[in-house]
C-alpha atoms as a PDB file:
ATOM      1  CA  MET A   1     -24.977  12.874  -7.105  1.00  0.00           C
ATOM      2  CA  GLN A   2     -24.736  12.835  -3.259  1.00  0.00           C
ATOM      3  CA  ARG A   3     -22.157  10.001  -3.201  1.00  0.00           C
ATOM      4  CA  ALA A   4     -20.309  11.490  -6.045  1.00  0.00           C
ATOM      5  CA  ALA A   5     -20.096  15.016  -4.071  1.00  0.00           C
ATOM      6  CA  GLU A   6     -18.903  13.209  -0.849  1.00  0.00           C
ATOM      7  CA  ILE A   7     -16.079  11.231  -2.866  1.00  0.00           C
ATOM      8  CA  ALA A   8     -15.426  14.848  -4.673  1.00  0.00           C
ATOM      9  CA  ALA A   9     -15.016  16.446  -1.120  1.00  0.00           C
ATOM     10  CA  GLN A  10     -12.139  14.086   0.047  1.00  0.00           C
ATOM     11  CA  VAL A  11     -10.436  13.724  -3.687  1.00  0.00           C
ATOM     12  CA  PHE A  12     -10.199  17.405  -4.288  1.00  0.00           C
ATOM     13  CA  ILE A  13      -9.300  18.744  -0.720  1.00  0.00           C
ATOM     14  CA  ALA A  14      -6.571  16.062  -0.817  1.00  0.00           C
ATOM     15  CA  ARG A  15      -5.559  17.176  -4.384  1.00  0.00           C
ATOM     16  CA  ASP A  16      -5.192  20.884  -3.148  1.00  0.00           C
ATOM     17  CA  ALA A  17      -3.424  19.689  -0.085  1.00  0.00           C
ATOM     18  CA  LEU A  18      -1.237  17.631  -2.375  1.00  0.00           C
ATOM     19  CA  LEU A  19      -0.200  20.342  -4.813  1.00  0.00           C
ATOM     20  CA  ARG A  20       0.894  22.278  -1.552  1.00  0.00           C
ATOM     21  CA  ASN A  21       3.843  20.018  -1.416  1.00  0.00           C
ATOM     22  CA  ARG A  22       4.481  20.420   2.318  1.00  0.00           C
ATOM     23  CA  ARG A  23       5.264  17.471   4.407  1.00  0.00           C
ATOM     24  CA  GLU A  24       2.133  17.998   6.674  1.00  0.00           C
ATOM     25  CA  ASP A  25      -0.205  18.532   3.698  1.00  0.00           C
ATOM     26  CA  LEU A  26       1.123  15.581   1.845  1.00  0.00           C
ATOM     27  CA  ARG A  27       0.363  13.526   4.897  1.00  0.00           C
ATOM     28  CA  VAL A  28      -3.246  14.805   4.826  1.00  0.00           C
ATOM     29  CA  ALA A  29      -3.415  14.207   1.179  1.00  0.00           C
ATOM     30  CA  PHE A  30      -2.399  10.575   1.647  1.00  0.00           C
ATOM     31  CA  LEU A  31      -5.025   9.933   4.432  1.00  0.00           C
ATOM     32  CA  LEU A  32      -7.900  11.341   2.488  1.00  0.00           C
ATOM     33  CA  LEU A  33      -6.826   9.688  -0.857  1.00  0.00           C
ATOM     34  CA  ASP A  34      -6.848   6.252   1.103  1.00  0.00           C
ATOM     35  CA  SER A  35     -10.141   7.170   2.532  1.00  0.00           C
ATOM     36  CA  ALA A  36     -11.771   7.926  -0.744  1.00  0.00           C
ATOM     37  CA  VAL A  37     -10.375   4.726  -2.272  1.00  0.00           C
ATOM     38  CA  GLU A  38     -11.722   2.494   0.357  1.00  0.00           C
ATOM     39  CA  THR A  39     -14.977   4.243   0.198  1.00  0.00           C
ATOM     40  CA  LEU A  40     -15.131   3.681  -3.715  1.00  0.00           C
ATOM     41  CA  MET A  41     -14.550  -0.152  -3.080  1.00  0.00           C
ATOM     42  CA  VAL A  42     -17.076  -0.345  -0.126  1.00  0.00           C
ATOM     43  CA  ARG A  43     -19.718   1.184  -2.627  1.00  0.00           C
ATOM     44  CA  TRP A  44     -18.839  -1.202  -5.347  1.00  0.00           C
ATOM     45  CA  THR A  45     -18.608  -4.130  -3.312  1.00  0.00           C
ATOM     46  CA  GLN A  46     -22.039  -3.314  -1.602  1.00  0.00           C
ATOM     47  CA  THR A  47     -23.462  -2.949  -5.202  1.00  0.00           C
ATOM     48  CA  HIS A  48     -22.461  -6.461  -6.552  1.00  0.00           C
ATOM     49  CA  LEU A  49     -23.559  -7.967  -3.261  1.00  0.00           C
ATOM     50  CA  ALA A  50     -27.106  -6.104  -3.429  1.00  0.00           C
ATOM     51  CA  MET A  51     -27.328  -7.734  -7.122  1.00  0.00           C
ATOM     52  CA  GLY A  52     -26.658 -10.819  -6.167  1.00  0.00           C
ATOM     53  CA  SER A  53     -23.376 -11.351  -8.334  1.00  0.00           C
ATOM     54  CA  TRP A  54     -21.632 -13.748  -5.864  1.00  0.00           C
ATOM     55  CA  GLY A  55     -24.736 -15.097  -4.453  1.00  0.00           C
ATOM     56  CA  GLY A  56     -27.800 -14.173  -2.384  1.00  0.00           C
ATOM     57  CA  SER A  57     -31.116 -12.857  -3.691  1.00  0.00           C
ATOM     58  CA  HIS A  58     -30.931 -14.222  -7.418  1.00  0.00           C
ATOM     59  CA  ASP A  59     -30.026 -17.668  -6.568  1.00  0.00           C
ATOM     60  CA  GLY A  60     -33.573 -19.123  -7.333  1.00  0.00           C
ATOM     61  CA  TYR A  61     -33.486 -18.192 -10.937  1.00  0.00           C
ATOM     62  CA  TRP A  62     -31.066 -20.986 -11.493  1.00  0.00           C
ATOM     63  CA  PRO A  63     -32.243 -23.986  -9.129  1.00  0.00           C
ATOM     64  CA  ASP A  64     -30.288 -26.527 -11.172  1.00  0.00           C
ATOM     65  CA  GLN A  65     -27.047 -25.023 -10.910  1.00  0.00           C
ATOM     66  CA  GLU A  66     -24.581 -25.690  -7.945  1.00  0.00           C
ATOM     67  CA  PRO A  67     -23.011 -22.773  -6.320  1.00  0.00           C
ATOM     68  CA  VAL A  68     -19.335 -22.634  -6.908  1.00  0.00           C
ATOM     69  CA  PRO A  69     -17.333 -21.380  -4.049  1.00  0.00           C
ATOM     70  CA  ILE A  70     -15.220 -18.277  -4.870  1.00  0.00           C
ATOM     71  CA  VAL A  71     -11.361 -18.523  -4.295  1.00  0.00           C
ATOM     72  CA  LEU A  72     -10.314 -14.711  -3.673  1.00  0.00           C
ATOM     73  CA  ASN A  73      -6.839 -15.560  -4.248  1.00  0.00           C
ATOM     74  CA  ASP A  74      -7.399 -17.406  -7.546  1.00  0.00           C
ATOM     75  CA  PHE A  75      -7.781 -14.182 -10.139  1.00  0.00           C
ATOM     76  CA  ASN A  76      -7.973 -16.660 -12.968  1.00  0.00           C
ATOM     77  CA  GLN A  77     -10.939 -18.782 -11.485  1.00  0.00           C
ATOM     78  CA  ARG A  78     -13.541 -16.468 -12.862  1.00  0.00           C
ATOM     79  CA  GLU A  79     -12.644 -16.734 -16.501  1.00  0.00           C
ATOM     80  CA  ARG A  80     -11.332 -19.828 -16.537  1.00  0.00           C
ATOM     81  CA  MET A  81     -14.724 -21.843 -15.242  1.00  0.00           C
ATOM     82  CA  ARG A  82     -16.884 -19.443 -17.361  1.00  0.00           C
ATOM     83  CA  ALA A  83     -15.062 -20.658 -20.546  1.00  0.00           C
ATOM     84  CA  GLU A  84     -15.891 -24.171 -19.342  1.00  0.00           C
ATOM     85  CA  ALA A  85     -19.275 -23.608 -18.346  1.00  0.00           C
ATOM     86  CA  LYS A  86     -22.548 -23.747 -20.575  1.00  0.00           C
ATOM     87  CA  ASP A  87     -23.521 -20.331 -21.829  1.00  0.00           C
ATOM     88  CA  ASN A  88     -20.649 -18.937 -19.999  1.00  0.00           C
ATOM     89  CA  TYR A  89     -22.477 -18.803 -16.629  1.00  0.00           C
ATOM     90  CA  VAL A  90     -21.318 -19.845 -13.309  1.00  0.00           C
ATOM     91  CA  ARG A  91     -23.302 -19.602 -10.057  1.00  0.00           C
ATOM     92  CA  TRP A  92     -20.808 -18.024  -8.013  1.00  0.00           C
ATOM     93  CA  GLN A  93     -20.988 -18.137  -4.016  1.00  0.00           C
ATOM     94  CA  LEU A  94     -19.132 -16.182  -1.347  1.00  0.00           C
ATOM     95  CA  SER A  95     -19.354 -17.376   2.315  1.00  0.00           C
ATOM     96  CA  ASP A  96     -20.912 -15.804   4.697  1.00  0.00           C
ATOM     97  CA  THR A  97     -17.300 -15.592   6.358  1.00  0.00           C
ATOM     98  CA  GLN A  98     -15.700 -14.087   3.193  1.00  0.00           C
ATOM     99  CA  LYS A  99     -18.630 -11.358   3.179  1.00  0.00           C
ATOM    100  CA  ARG A 100     -18.109 -10.316   6.472  1.00  0.00           C
ATOM    101  CA  SER A 101     -14.196 -10.318   6.004  1.00  0.00           C
ATOM    102  CA  ILE A 102     -14.909  -8.141   2.590  1.00  0.00           C
ATOM    103  CA  GLY A 103     -16.708  -5.762   4.761  1.00  0.00           C
ATOM    104  CA  ARG A 104     -13.880  -5.242   7.181  1.00  0.00           C
ATOM    105  CA  ASP A 105     -10.751  -5.904   5.520  1.00  0.00           C
ATOM    106  CA  PHE A 106      -9.061  -3.664   2.930  1.00  0.00           C
ATOM    107  CA  SER A 107      -7.084  -6.213   1.284  1.00  0.00           C
ATOM    108  CA  ASP A 108      -9.979  -8.739   0.921  1.00  0.00           C
ATOM    109  CA  LYS A 109     -12.143  -5.965  -0.762  1.00  0.00           C
ATOM    110  CA  LEU A 110      -9.055  -5.497  -3.062  1.00  0.00           C
ATOM    111  CA  ARG A 111      -8.896  -9.223  -3.974  1.00  0.00           C
ATOM    112  CA  VAL A 112     -12.934  -9.857  -4.688  1.00  0.00           C
ATOM    113  CA  LEU A 113     -12.489  -6.911  -6.974  1.00  0.00           C
ATOM    114  CA  ALA A 114      -9.506  -8.075  -8.798  1.00  0.00           C
ATOM    115  CA  TRP A 115     -11.156 -11.521  -8.783  1.00  0.00           C
ATOM    116  CA  ASN A 116     -14.185  -9.921 -10.690  1.00  0.00           C
ATOM    117  CA  GLY A 117     -12.067  -8.193 -12.943  1.00  0.00           C
ATOM    118  CA  ASP A 118     -12.939  -4.619 -11.808  1.00  0.00           C
ATOM    119  CA  ILE A 119      -9.194  -3.584 -11.076  1.00  0.00           C
ATOM    120  CA  PRO A 120      -6.128  -5.015 -12.592  1.00  0.00           C
ATOM    121  CA  THR A 121      -4.580  -7.945 -10.314  1.00  0.00           C
ATOM    122  CA  GLU A 122      -1.265  -5.936 -10.208  1.00  0.00           C
ATOM    123  CA  TYR A 123      -3.160  -3.241  -8.281  1.00  0.00           C
ATOM    124  CA  VAL A 124      -3.697  -5.645  -5.070  1.00  0.00           C
ATOM    125  CA  PRO A 125      -0.247  -5.870  -3.769  1.00  0.00           C
ATOM    126  CA  VAL A 126       0.166  -2.041  -4.211  1.00  0.00           C
ATOM    127  CA  LEU A 127      -2.790  -0.761  -2.923  1.00  0.00           C
ATOM    128  CA  ALA A 128      -2.440  -2.805  -0.038  1.00  0.00           C
ATOM    129  CA  ARG A 129       0.850  -1.711   0.803  1.00  0.00           C
ATOM    130  CA  LEU A 130      -0.262   1.790   0.196  1.00  0.00           C
ATOM    131  CA  HIS A 131      -2.866   1.166   2.637  1.00  0.00           C
ATOM    132  CA  ASP A 132      -0.037  -0.265   5.016  1.00  0.00           C
ATOM    133  CA  TYR A 133       1.817   2.978   4.995  1.00  0.00           C
ATOM    134  CA  ARG A 134      -1.561   4.836   5.885  1.00  0.00           C
ATOM    135  CA  ASN A 135      -1.868   2.674   8.938  1.00  0.00           C
ATOM    136  CA  GLU A 136       1.632   3.602  10.010  1.00  0.00           C
ATOM    137  CA  MET A 137       0.793   7.270   9.649  1.00  0.00           C
ATOM    138  CA  TYR A 138      -2.491   7.142  11.240  1.00  0.00           C
ATOM    139  CA  HIS A 139      -1.829   4.806  14.323  1.00  0.00           C
ATOM    140  CA  ARG A 140       1.875   5.221  14.800  1.00  0.00           C
ATOM    141  CA  GLU A 141       2.684   8.844  13.589  1.00  0.00           C
ATOM    142  CA  GLU A 142       5.152   7.188  10.866  1.00  0.00           C
ATOM    143  CA  SER A 143       5.078   9.130   7.582  1.00  0.00           C
ATOM    144  CA  ARG A 144       8.065   7.995   5.559  1.00  0.00           C
ATOM    145  CA  PRO A 145       9.146  11.546   4.918  1.00  0.00           C
ATOM    146  CA  ASN A 146      11.853  10.995   2.354  1.00  0.00           C
ATOM    147  CA  ALA A 147       9.240   9.086  -0.055  1.00  0.00           C
ATOM    148  CA  LEU A 148       6.106  10.783   0.939  1.00  0.00           C
ATOM    149  CA  ARG A 149       5.683  13.196  -1.842  1.00  0.00           C
ATOM    150  CA  VAL A 150       6.242  10.463  -4.731  1.00  0.00           C
ATOM    151  CA  LEU A 151       3.854   8.101  -2.674  1.00  0.00           C
ATOM    152  CA  ALA A 152       0.962  10.594  -2.384  1.00  0.00           C
ATOM    153  CA  HIS A 153       1.126  11.678  -6.050  1.00  0.00           C
ATOM    154  CA  LEU A 154       1.037   7.848  -6.829  1.00  0.00           C
ATOM    155  CA  TYR A 155      -1.843   7.087  -4.659  1.00  0.00           C
ATOM    156  CA  ALA A 156      -3.888  10.218  -6.382  1.00  0.00           C
ATOM    157  CA  TRP A 157      -2.785   8.500  -9.563  1.00  0.00           C
ATOM    158  CA  LEU A 158      -4.567   5.429  -8.753  1.00  0.00           C
ATOM    159  CA  THR A 159      -7.598   7.026  -7.245  1.00  0.00           C
ATOM    160  CA  ALA A 160      -8.216   8.741 -10.367  1.00  0.00           C
ATOM    161  CA  ASP A 161      -7.713   5.261 -12.091  1.00  0.00           C
ATOM    162  CA  LEU A 162     -10.287   3.788  -9.683  1.00  0.00           C
ATOM    163  CA  LEU A 163     -12.684   6.701 -10.043  1.00  0.00           C
ATOM    164  CA  GLU A 164     -13.048   5.593 -13.699  1.00  0.00           C
ATOM    165  CA  ARG A 165     -12.987   1.972 -12.979  1.00  0.00           C
ATOM    166  CA  LEU A 166     -15.510   2.012 -10.077  1.00  0.00           C
ATOM    167  CA  ARG A 167     -18.353   4.189 -11.383  1.00  0.00           C
ATOM    168  CA  PRO A 168     -21.493   4.200  -9.238  1.00  0.00           C
ATOM    169  CA  GLY A 169     -24.593   1.976  -9.817  1.00  0.00           C
ATOM    170  CA  ILE A 170     -27.573   3.610 -11.452  1.00  0.00           C
ATOM    171  CA  PHE A 171     -29.446   4.073  -8.346  1.00  0.00           C
ATOM    172  CA  SER A 172     -26.824   6.141  -6.494  1.00  0.00           C
ATOM    173  CA  ARG A 173     -26.764   8.762  -9.496  1.00  0.00           C
ATOM    174  CA  TRP A 174     -30.221  10.359  -9.473  1.00  0.00           C
ATOM    175  CA  GLY A 175     -32.807  11.624  -7.239  1.00  0.00           C
ATOM    176  CA  GLY A 176     -33.431  13.639  -4.209  1.00  0.00           C
ATOM    177  CA  ASP A 177     -30.155  15.779  -4.435  1.00  0.00           C
ATOM    178  CA  PRO A 178     -29.935  19.810  -3.484  1.00  0.00           C
ATOM    179  CA  ASP A 179     -30.325  21.654  -6.936  1.00  0.00           C
ATOM    180  CA  ASP A 180     -26.735  23.165  -6.228  1.00  0.00           C
ATOM    181  CA  ILE A 181     -24.859  19.845  -5.792  1.00  0.00           C
ATOM    182  CA  VAL A 182     -23.650  19.504  -9.143  1.00  0.00           C
ATOM    183  CA  GLU A 183     -22.428  23.044  -9.148  1.00  0.00           C
ATOM    184  CA  ARG A 184     -20.535  22.430  -5.902  1.00  0.00           C
ATOM    185  CA  THR A 185     -18.871  19.165  -7.153  1.00  0.00           C
ATOM    186  CA  TYR A 186     -17.610  20.736 -10.365  1.00  0.00           C
ATOM    187  CA  GLU A 187     -16.712  23.882  -8.458  1.00  0.00           C
ATOM    188  CA  ARG A 188     -14.337  21.374  -6.506  1.00  0.00           C
ATOM    189  CA  MET A 189     -12.708  20.074  -9.387  1.00  0.00           C
ATOM    190  CA  GLY A 190     -12.065  23.746 -10.661  1.00  0.00           C
ATOM    191  CA  ARG A 191     -14.395  22.920 -13.840  1.00  0.00           C
ATOM    192  CA  PRO A 192     -17.602  24.316 -15.211  1.00  0.00           C
ATOM    193  CA  VAL A 193     -20.385  22.128 -15.164  1.00  0.00           C
ATOM    194  CA  PRO A 194     -20.870  20.331 -18.739  1.00  0.00           C
ATOM    195  CA  VAL A 195     -23.922  20.838 -20.834  1.00  0.00           C
ATOM    196  CA  PRO A 196     -25.494  18.721 -20.965  1.00  0.00           C
ATOM    197  CA  MET A 197     -24.815  17.167 -17.923  1.00  0.00           C
ATOM    198  CA  ASP A 198     -24.414  13.508 -17.920  1.00  0.00           C
ATOM    199  CA  GLY A 199     -24.122  11.928 -14.454  1.00  0.00           C
ATOM    200  CA  PHE A 200     -22.690   8.890 -15.722  1.00  0.00           C
ATOM    201  CA  LYS A 201     -19.515  10.445 -16.679  1.00  0.00           C
ATOM    202  CA  ILE A 202     -18.984  12.612 -13.387  1.00  0.00           C
ATOM    203  CA  GLN A 203     -16.287  10.406 -11.896  1.00  0.00           C
ATOM    204  CA  ASN A 204     -14.536  10.379 -15.296  1.00  0.00           C
ATOM    205  CA  ASP A 205     -14.389  14.095 -15.072  1.00  0.00           C
ATOM    206  CA  MET A 206     -13.232  13.808 -11.496  1.00  0.00           C
ATOM    207  CA  ALA A 207     -10.468  11.282 -12.776  1.00  0.00           C
ATOM    208  CA  THR A 208      -9.467  13.992 -15.384  1.00  0.00           C
ATOM    209  CA  ALA A 209      -9.227  16.697 -12.969  1.00  0.00           C
ATOM    210  CA  LEU A 210      -7.449  14.746 -10.207  1.00  0.00           C
ATOM    211  CA  ARG A 211      -4.640  13.836 -12.526  1.00  0.00           C
ATOM    212  CA  GLU A 212      -3.709  17.464 -13.296  1.00  0.00           C
ATOM    213  CA  GLY A 213      -0.764  18.573 -11.739  1.00  0.00           C
ATOM    214  CA  LEU A 214       0.497  15.068 -10.769  1.00  0.00           C
ATOM    215  CA  ASP A 215       4.373  14.582 -11.156  1.00  0.00           C
ATOM    216  CA  LEU A 216       5.305  10.857 -11.558  1.00  0.00           C
ATOM    217  CA  ALA A 217       7.782  10.944 -14.368  1.00  0.00           C
ATOM    218  CA  THR A 218      10.693  10.589 -11.890  1.00  0.00           C
ATOM    219  CA  ALA A 219       8.899   8.248  -9.531  1.00  0.00           C
ATOM    220  CA  PRO A 220      11.408   5.100 -10.288  1.00  0.00           C
ATOM    221  CA  GLN A 221      14.397   7.178  -9.795  1.00  0.00           C
ATOM    222  CA  LEU A 222      12.842   8.781  -6.456  1.00  0.00           C
ATOM    223  CA  LEU A 223      11.881   5.278  -5.002  1.00  0.00           C
ATOM    224  CA  ALA A 224      14.953   3.900  -6.246  1.00  0.00           C
ATOM    225  CA  ASP A 225      16.698   6.610  -4.088  1.00  0.00           C
ATOM    226  CA  TYR A 226      14.531   6.001  -1.129  1.00  0.00           C
ATOM    227  CA  ALA A 227      15.312   2.209  -1.227  1.00  0.00           C
ATOM    228  CA  ALA A 228      18.856   2.968  -1.629  1.00  0.00           C
ATOM    229  CA  GLU A 229      19.059   5.432   1.354  1.00  0.00           C
ATOM    230  CA  ARG A 230      17.521   2.752   3.599  1.00  0.00           C
ATOM    231  CA  ILE A 231      19.791   0.124   2.698  1.00  0.00           C
ATOM    232  CA  GLU A 232      22.896   2.659   3.298  1.00  0.00           C
ATOM    233  CA  SER A 233      21.276   3.205   6.487  1.00  0.00           C
ATOM    234  CA  VAL A 234      21.347  -0.208   7.634  1.00  0.00           C
ATOM    235  CA  HIS A 235      24.738  -0.824   6.569  1.00  0.00           C
ATOM    236  CA  ASP A 236      26.001   2.492   8.666  1.00  0.00           C
ATOM    237  CA  ALA A 237      23.850   0.821  11.636  1.00  0.00           C
ATOM    238  CA  ILE A 238      25.639  -2.214  11.405  1.00  0.00           C
ATOM    239  CA  GLU A 239      28.931  -0.731  11.164  1.00  0.00           C
ATOM    240  CA  PHE A 240      28.065   1.363  14.148  1.00  0.00           C
ATOM    241  CA  SER A 241      26.914  -1.341  16.351  1.00  0.00           C
ATOM    242  CA  ALA A 242      29.965  -3.561  15.221  1.00  0.00           C
ATOM    243  CA  GLU A 243      32.498  -1.013  16.330  1.00  0.00           C
ATOM    244  CA  TYR A 244      31.073  -0.741  19.831  1.00  0.00           C
ATOM    245  CA  ILE A 245      30.377  -4.401  20.304  1.00  0.00           C
ATOM    246  CA  GLY A 246      34.078  -5.199  19.016  1.00  0.00           C
ATOM    247  CA  GLU A 247      35.304  -2.927  21.700  1.00  0.00           C
ATOM    248  CA  VAL A 248      33.362  -4.356  24.396  1.00  0.00           C
ATOM    249  CA  GLN A 249      34.254  -8.126  23.457  1.00  0.00           C
ATOM    250  CA  ARG A 250      37.696  -7.130  22.482  1.00  0.00           C
ATOM    251  CA  ILE A 251      37.347  -8.381  19.028  1.00  0.00           C
ATOM    252  CA  SER A 252      39.233  -6.432  16.467  1.00  0.00           C
ATOM    253  CA  ASP A 253      37.815  -7.946  13.425  1.00  0.00           C
ATOM    254  CA  VAL A 254      34.065  -7.796  13.701  1.00  0.00           C
ATOM    255  CA  THR A 255      32.403  -8.381  10.319  1.00  0.00           C
ATOM    256  CA  GLU A 256      28.634  -7.433   9.095  1.00  0.00           C
ATOM    257  CA  MET A 257      27.986 -11.014   9.208  1.00  0.00           C
ATOM    258  CA  ASP A 258      28.924 -11.253  13.004  1.00  0.00           C
ATOM    259  CA  ILE A 259      25.981  -8.562  13.622  1.00  0.00           C
ATOM    260  CA  VAL A 260      23.580 -10.249  11.407  1.00  0.00           C
ATOM    261  CA  ARG A 261      24.067 -13.553  13.629  1.00  0.00           C
ATOM    262  CA  LEU A 262      23.754 -11.589  16.736  1.00  0.00           C
ATOM    263  CA  LEU A 263      20.582 -10.109  15.500  1.00  0.00           C
ATOM    264  CA  TYR A 264      19.068 -13.713  15.312  1.00  0.00           C
ATOM    265  CA  HIS A 265      20.765 -15.778  17.733  1.00  0.00           C
ATOM    266  CA  GLU A 266      18.614 -16.644  20.855  1.00  0.00           C
ATOM    267  CA  GLY A 267      21.693 -16.030  22.858  1.00  0.00           C
ATOM    268  CA  GLY A 268      21.583 -12.385  21.818  1.00  0.00           C
ATOM    269  CA  PRO A 269      24.286  -9.774  23.234  1.00  0.00           C
ATOM    270  CA  GLN A 270      25.051 -11.821  26.305  1.00  0.00           C
ATOM    271  CA  LEU A 271      26.550 -14.412  23.927  1.00  0.00           C
ATOM    272  CA  GLY A 272      30.154 -13.600  22.543  1.00  0.00           C
ATOM    273  CA  LEU A 273      30.482 -12.903  18.822  1.00  0.00           C
ATOM    274  CA  ALA A 274      33.192 -15.518  18.558  1.00  0.00           C
ATOM    275  CA  GLU A 275      30.811 -18.296  19.985  1.00  0.00           C
ATOM    276  CA  MET A 276      28.245 -17.431  17.274  1.00  0.00           C
ATOM    277  CA  ARG A 277      30.284 -17.830  13.988  1.00  0.00           C
ATOM    278  CA  HIS A 278      28.890 -21.310  13.530  1.00  0.00           C
ATOM    279  CA  PHE A 279      25.581 -20.287  13.617  1.00  0.00           C
ATOM    280  CA  LYS A 280      23.465 -20.034  10.549  1.00  0.00           C
ATOM    281  CA  ALA A 281      21.280 -16.728  10.427  1.00  0.00           C
ATOM    282  CA  PRO A 282      18.223 -16.663   8.268  1.00  0.00           C
ATOM    283  CA  VAL A 283      19.594 -13.606   6.346  1.00  0.00           C
ATOM    284  CA  THR A 284      22.727 -14.557   4.393  1.00  0.00           C
ATOM    285  CA  ARG A 285      25.472 -12.586   2.422  1.00  0.00           C
ATOM    286  CA  ALA A 286      23.633 -13.362  -0.729  1.00  0.00           C
ATOM    287  CA  MET A 287      20.430 -11.846   0.581  1.00  0.00           C
ATOM    288  CA  ILE A 288      22.212  -8.588   1.674  1.00  0.00           C
ATOM    289  CA  ALA A 289      23.939  -8.336  -1.802  1.00  0.00           C
ATOM    290  CA  ARG A 290      20.591  -8.800  -3.397  1.00  0.00           C
ATOM    291  CA  TRP A 291      19.278  -5.953  -1.340  1.00  0.00           C
ATOM    292  CA  ASP A 292      22.134  -3.820  -2.157  1.00  0.00           C
ATOM    293  CA  ARG A 293      21.306  -4.243  -6.208  1.00  0.00           C
ATOM    294  CA  TRP A 294      17.681  -3.610  -5.698  1.00  0.00           C
ATOM    295  CA  PRO A 295      17.595   0.078  -6.238  1.00  0.00           C
ATOM    296  CA  GLU A 296      18.784  -0.522  -9.675  1.00  0.00           C
ATOM    297  CA  LEU A 297      16.104  -2.834 -10.326  1.00  0.00           C
ATOM    298  CA  ILE A 298      13.712  -0.090  -9.102  1.00  0.00           C
ATOM    299  CA  ARG A 299      15.201   2.407 -11.313  1.00  0.00           C
ATOM    300  CA  GLY A 300      14.857   0.607 -14.366  1.00  0.00           C
ATOM    301  CA  THR A 301      11.045  -0.135 -14.077  1.00  0.00           C
ATOM    302  CA  PRO A 302       8.975   1.561 -16.757  1.00  0.00           C
ATOM    303  CA  GLY A 303       6.530   3.502 -14.550  1.00  0.00           C
ATOM    304  CA  ALA A 304       5.604   4.392 -11.026  1.00  0.00           C
ATOM    305  CA  VAL A 305       3.131   1.645 -10.136  1.00  0.00           C
ATOM    306  CA  GLU A 306       5.746  -0.912 -11.424  1.00  0.00           C
ATOM    307  CA  ALA A 307       8.524   0.731  -9.426  1.00  0.00           C
ATOM    308  CA  PHE A 308       6.482   0.951  -5.994  1.00  0.00           C
ATOM    309  CA  ARG A 309       5.468  -2.816  -6.706  1.00  0.00           C
ATOM    310  CA  SER A 310       9.311  -3.597  -6.945  1.00  0.00           C
ATOM    311  CA  LEU A 311       9.783  -1.611  -3.631  1.00  0.00           C
ATOM    312  CA  THR A 312       7.329  -3.441  -2.000  1.00  0.00           C
ATOM    313  CA  ASP A 313       8.587  -6.683  -3.216  1.00  0.00           C
ATOM    314  CA  MET A 314      12.010  -5.757  -1.566  1.00  0.00           C
ATOM    315  CA  GLU A 315      10.280  -4.584   1.725  1.00  0.00           C
ATOM    316  CA  ALA A 316       8.566  -8.012   2.122  1.00  0.00           C
ATOM    317  CA  SER A 317      11.931  -9.466   2.929  1.00  0.00           C
ATOM    318  CA  PHE A 318      13.836  -6.505   3.954  1.00  0.00           C
ATOM    319  CA  GLU A 319      11.705  -4.781   6.551  1.00  0.00           C
ATOM    320  CA  ASP A 320      12.082  -7.271   9.466  1.00  0.00           C
ATOM    321  CA  PHE A 321      15.970  -7.209   9.129  1.00  0.00           C
ATOM    322  CA  GLU A 322      15.963  -3.478   8.957  1.00  0.00           C
ATOM    323  CA  THR A 323      14.056  -3.076  12.278  1.00  0.00           C
ATOM    324  CA  ARG A 324      16.099  -5.359  13.997  1.00  0.00           C
ATOM    325  CA  VAL A 325      19.195  -3.616  12.899  1.00  0.00           C
ATOM    326  CA  HIS A 326      17.999  -0.055  14.078  1.00  0.00           C
ATOM    327  CA  GLU A 327      16.462  -1.508  17.140  1.00  0.00           C
ATOM    328  CA  LEU A 328      20.153  -3.026  18.045  1.00  0.00           C
ATOM    329  CA  ALA A 329      21.861   0.414  16.840  1.00  0.00           C
ATOM    330  CA  ARG A 330      19.464   1.976  19.317  1.00  0.00           C
ATOM    331  CA  GLU A 331      20.488  -0.059  22.232  1.00  0.00           C
ATOM    332  CA  VAL A 332      24.124   0.465  21.394  1.00  0.00           C
ATOM    333  CA  ASP A 333      23.536   4.209  21.095  1.00  0.00           C
ATOM    334  CA  GLY A 334      21.801   3.823  24.584  1.00  0.00           C
ATOM    335  CA  ALA A 335      24.701   2.128  26.199  1.00  0.00           C
ATOM    336  CA  ILE A 336      27.268   4.744  24.694  1.00  0.00           C
ATOM    337  CA  GLN A 337      25.223   7.674  26.168  1.00  0.00           C
ATOM    338  CA  PHE A 338      25.118   5.797  29.697  1.00  0.00           C
ATOM    339  CA  GLU A 339      28.714   5.437  29.692  1.00  0.00           C
ATOM    340  CA  PHE A 340      29.271   9.039  28.868  1.00  0.00           C
ATOM    341  CA  ASP A 341      26.616  10.042  31.562  1.00  0.00           C
ATOM    342  CA  LEU A 342      28.331   7.526  34.306  1.00  0.00           C
ATOM    343  CA  ALA A 343      31.864   9.178  33.424  1.00  0.00           C
ATOM    344  CA  ARG A 344      30.269  12.681  33.897  1.00  0.00           C
ATOM    345  CA  GLY A 345      28.984  11.687  37.089  1.00  0.00           C
ATOM    346  CA  LYS A 346      25.317  11.799  36.194  1.00  0.00           C
END
């Protein structure tokens, strides 16, 4: 029960912060939910390793079987090879390097759990990207404010799902706990202690309580609006940069693709736009048109997880370009401000 109480403390402080629906509280909720998810995964992978599920203490029981290396990115390997094996048994083996990486890396924890069938494979890129957002918040003070509410509600929904999927092993449920720990845990949920009390179902009860008050019905719409806003901001920044650079270089017909070529050409701003027009940039008109259509793809997805996964697919190709565009716009803005200051004698 102590372990369940520790998870409950994170999850329901996060739930209460989330329902206050203020930006600073949503940020705290997001960070706590990420911590709870990683704690659940750590405990689940440690249980598998302790039981010898992926090689180790039980290897001696089947001395005639050669261990099969686990390929973490091959999510079909387990079922495919079990179907081909005698008695459906395969002696799986994680390397020491893999075990160390699983211990350190959030994404490798996701991969081994998906490989083992403990979580759906589609959760791997979704949860990995949410963890990236957490790192932005924690290490760089970036919180994506225009999408934070829907992202926090999505993370809470996924946390509830993992509470049901990654329930604790039997040795962590019983023994040595203070008498009031069950009452405290259910008090956090806002629920009475069930009679009879079943320690096997406590995480299910936590999941049910966490889902109350979540609002994901409009998630595809909100995430589509968020994507559209970012794409529009990029177009605006390109237009802003093009106007200034065109004036400086005395070119009246600076196009969006002129600025795109400038972003990727080694000559940079020192080279004239006209001289770059034969250069083929890695970002093409077709790619930009595809990003422009992407919000409608997100809007048409059937649910929050699918909508966020579509957004992450867009970000994988779009974010480097987005960063370059906004960095150029900041440089242009700085140059304009310098000229203003110079004209005013500063």
